[in-house]
Amino acid sequence: MKNTFILPTIVATSLLAIGCNSEPPTEPQSRNGAQMESADQVLPEGHPPIDNRQPEMPAGHPEISTTHGQGFDFSSVEPLNNLSIANVYDRKDDLAGGEVHLRGKVVRYNANIMGTNWLHIQDGSGGPGTNDLTVTTDSKVQVGDIVTVQGVLTADKDFGHGYAYDLIIQNAKVTIDN
């Protein structure tokens, strides 16, 4: 009988000693003193607060926008080998890791970021999340150029700091068609 009482007593004493008790938790606060929004973020007593804010971009970094491509006319963009950007997203499991040849209109261009030029191309196919493809290249282009892109398609690329891509073509050969 003594042995059946000892283990629960040890467990209960240990839990109390490390701060697990039945008292309701106090409202957690972030590093800047603001109340955290979610009750699921309650941390054990003594745990440093978690800061869930997005990191700030370095000075001079262009704004990150999800609206690029709006207002462009894609009627003159003919898919190359019947492969549209929407098709690439539909077939990403089959195409990832292999070389693709695409045609699209440059809807965004940022020069010399992380030692390379970044562009987004669209061809009028697809919808949000499947209509825009990110490409890195040494080539210099301008927004509005129709380009042919040749390179290896990579799926699920994460550069960190909020820069993650479902699909990307890195170090692509890019030629201006117009």
Protein backbone atom coordinates (compact mmCIF):
# COMPACT_ATOMS: atom_id res chain seq x y z
CA MET A 1 0.00 0.00 0.00
CA LYS A 2 2.88 2.33 0.78
CA ASN A 3 4.35 1.93 -2.72
CA THR A 4 1.10 2.90 -4.50
CA PHE A 5 1.00 6.18 -2.59
CA ILE A 6 4.67 7.18 -3.08
CA LEU A 7 4.70 7.50 -6.89
CA PRO A 8 1.67 9.85 -7.20
CA THR A 9 3.07 11.95 -4.35
CA ILE A 10 6.44 12.26 -6.07
CA VAL A 11 4.79 13.21 -9.39
CA ALA A 12 2.51 15.81 -7.77
CA THR A 13 5.39 17.30 -5.77
CA SER A 14 7.57 17.45 -8.87
CA LEU A 15 4.86 19.21 -10.89
CA LEU A 16 4.35 21.79 -8.19
CA ALA A 17 8.07 22.36 -7.93
CA ILE A 18 8.40 23.15 -11.65
CA GLY A 19 5.41 25.45 -11.69
CA CYS A 20 2.60 23.23 -12.99
CA ASN A 21 -0.40 23.92 -10.81
CA SER A 22 -4.11 24.48 -11.20
CA GLU A 23 -3.97 28.29 -11.01
CA PRO A 24 -4.98 30.03 -14.23
CA PRO A 25 -2.03 31.41 -16.17
CA THR A 26 -1.41 35.11 -16.24
CA GLU A 27 -1.77 36.86 -19.59
CA PRO A 28 1.50 36.46 -21.51
CA GLN A 29 3.21 39.49 -22.94
CA SER A 30 5.58 39.96 -25.86
CA ARG A 31 9.02 41.54 -25.59
CA ASN A 32 7.64 45.00 -26.22
CA GLY A 33 5.08 44.58 -23.42
CA ALA A 34 2.07 44.13 -25.70
CA GLN A 35 -0.37 41.42 -24.77
CA MET A 36 -0.04 38.35 -26.96
CA GLU A 37 -3.14 37.53 -29.00
CA SER A 38 -3.56 33.81 -28.56
CA ALA A 39 -4.11 31.74 -25.43
CA ASP A 40 -2.27 28.83 -27.09
CA GLN A 41 0.92 30.89 -26.76
CA VAL A 42 0.93 30.65 -22.94
CA LEU A 43 4.46 29.80 -21.86
CA PRO A 44 5.71 28.25 -18.63
CA GLU A 45 6.76 30.66 -15.93
CA GLY A 46 10.27 31.94 -16.53
CA HIS A 47 10.23 31.10 -20.26
CA PRO A 48 11.35 34.05 -22.38
CA PRO A 49 8.56 35.51 -24.54
CA ILE A 50 8.32 34.47 -28.17
CA ASP A 51 8.38 37.29 -30.68
CA ASN A 52 6.26 36.29 -33.69
CA ARG A 53 6.77 39.51 -35.63
CA GLN A 54 8.07 39.19 -39.18
CA PRO A 55 11.71 40.27 -39.48
CA GLU A 56 12.25 43.72 -40.93
CA MET A 57 13.84 43.95 -44.36
CA PRO A 58 17.23 45.65 -44.66
CA ALA A 59 17.31 49.34 -45.52
CA GLY A 60 16.81 49.89 -49.24
CA HIS A 61 15.11 46.51 -49.80
CA PRO A 62 12.18 46.83 -52.23
CA GLU A 63 8.67 46.34 -50.90
CA ILE A 64 7.31 42.80 -51.06
CA SER A 65 4.10 42.78 -53.02
CA THR A 66 1.64 40.11 -54.03
CA THR A 67 -0.12 42.34 -56.56
CA HIS A 68 2.51 42.28 -59.30
CA GLY A 69 1.10 41.35 -62.68
CA GLN A 70 -2.19 43.17 -62.26
CA GLY A 71 -3.10 45.36 -65.20
CA PHE A 72 -0.82 43.59 -67.72
CA ASP A 73 -2.01 42.39 -71.10
CA PHE A 74 -0.92 38.79 -71.63
CA SER A 75 -2.66 38.28 -74.99
CA SER A 76 0.67 38.43 -76.88
CA VAL A 77 2.32 35.82 -74.65
CA GLU A 78 2.26 32.47 -76.46
CA PRO A 79 3.18 29.46 -74.30
CA LEU A 80 6.34 27.71 -75.41
CA ASN A 81 5.81 24.02 -76.29
CA ASN A 82 2.24 24.33 -74.91
CA LEU A 83 3.65 24.72 -71.40
CA SER A 84 1.99 27.54 -69.50
CA ILE A 85 2.88 28.67 -66.00
CA ALA A 86 -0.36 27.15 -64.69
CA ASN A 87 0.66 23.84 -66.35
CA VAL A 88 3.99 23.99 -64.53
CA TYR A 89 2.19 24.31 -61.18
CA ASP A 90 -0.21 21.49 -62.11
CA ARG A 91 2.72 19.24 -63.04
CA LYS A 92 5.20 20.45 -60.43
CA ASP A 93 5.78 16.96 -58.99
CA ASP A 94 6.75 15.64 -62.43
CA LEU A 95 8.71 18.70 -63.58
CA ALA A 96 10.63 19.60 -60.38
CA GLY A 97 14.32 18.80 -60.70
CA GLY A 98 14.21 18.88 -64.48
CA GLU A 99 14.87 21.58 -67.05
CA VAL A 100 11.92 23.60 -68.33
CA HIS A 101 11.53 26.11 -71.17
CA LEU A 102 8.84 28.75 -70.60
CA ARG A 103 7.68 32.02 -72.05
CA GLY A 104 6.17 34.80 -69.98
CA LYS A 105 5.92 38.52 -69.42
CA VAL A 106 8.12 40.10 -66.77
CA VAL A 107 5.77 41.58 -64.18
CA ARG A 108 8.42 42.33 -61.57
CA TYR A 109 12.19 42.79 -61.71
CA ASN A 110 14.71 43.37 -58.93
CA ALA A 111 18.37 43.67 -59.86
CA ASN A 112 21.32 42.39 -57.86
CA ILE A 113 19.67 40.93 -54.77
CA MET A 114 21.85 38.26 -53.16
CA GLY A 115 24.16 38.57 -56.18
CA THR A 116 21.53 37.83 -58.82
CA ASN A 117 18.62 39.40 -60.67
CA TRP A 118 15.12 38.32 -59.62
CA LEU A 119 12.11 38.41 -61.89
CA HIS A 120 8.54 37.22 -61.81
CA ILE A 121 6.94 36.06 -65.03
CA GLN A 122 3.31 35.47 -65.88
CA ASP A 123 1.53 34.39 -69.04
CA GLY A 124 -2.12 34.99 -68.14
CA SER A 125 -2.75 31.39 -67.09
CA GLY A 126 -3.63 30.18 -63.61
CA GLY A 127 -5.00 32.03 -60.64
CA PRO A 128 -3.58 33.32 -57.37
CA GLY A 129 -0.78 31.00 -56.31
CA THR A 130 -0.44 29.33 -59.73
CA ASN A 131 0.01 32.24 -62.13
CA ASP A 132 3.41 33.67 -61.20
CA LEU A 133 6.84 32.06 -61.43
CA THR A 134 9.98 33.44 -59.79
CA VAL A 135 13.23 33.27 -61.77
CA THR A 136 16.80 34.21 -60.85
CA THR A 137 19.27 35.05 -63.60
CA ASP A 138 22.31 37.07 -64.60
CA SER A 139 20.31 38.52 -67.51
CA LYS A 140 18.97 42.06 -67.32
CA VAL A 141 15.37 42.60 -68.34
CA GLN A 142 12.64 45.17 -67.83
CA VAL A 143 9.10 44.93 -66.54
CA GLY A 144 6.88 44.33 -69.57
CA ASP A 145 9.45 42.33 -71.57
CA ILE A 146 8.30 39.02 -72.99
CA VAL A 147 11.03 36.50 -72.20
CA THR A 148 11.95 32.88 -72.75
CA VAL A 149 13.26 31.20 -69.62
CA GLN A 150 15.35 28.04 -69.59
CA GLY A 151 16.49 26.36 -66.38
CA VAL A 152 15.98 23.74 -63.71
CA LEU A 153 12.68 23.96 -61.84
CA THR A 154 13.00 23.67 -58.05
CA ALA A 155 10.02 22.98 -55.78
CA ASP A 156 9.61 24.16 -52.19
CA LYS A 157 12.69 26.38 -51.97
CA ASP A 158 13.06 28.24 -48.67
CA PHE A 159 15.72 30.95 -48.40
CA GLY A 160 14.59 31.90 -44.87
CA HIS A 161 13.41 35.30 -43.63
CA GLY A 162 10.01 34.79 -45.26
CA TYR A 163 11.37 34.04 -48.74
CA ALA A 164 9.88 30.66 -49.60
CA TYR A 165 8.80 29.60 -53.07
CA ASP A 166 6.55 26.75 -54.16
CA LEU A 167 8.39 26.85 -57.48
CA ILE A 168 11.47 28.75 -58.65
CA ILE A 169 13.94 28.57 -61.50
CA GLN A 170 17.41 29.59 -60.32
CA ASN A 171 20.34 30.65 -62.51
CA ALA A 172 18.10 30.60 -65.57
CA LYS A 173 19.09 31.51 -69.10
CA VAL A 174 16.71 34.32 -70.02
CA THR A 175 16.31 35.81 -73.51
CA ILE A 176 14.12 38.76 -74.42
CA ASP A 177 11.64 37.86 -77.19
CA ASN A 178 10.22 41.31 -78.01
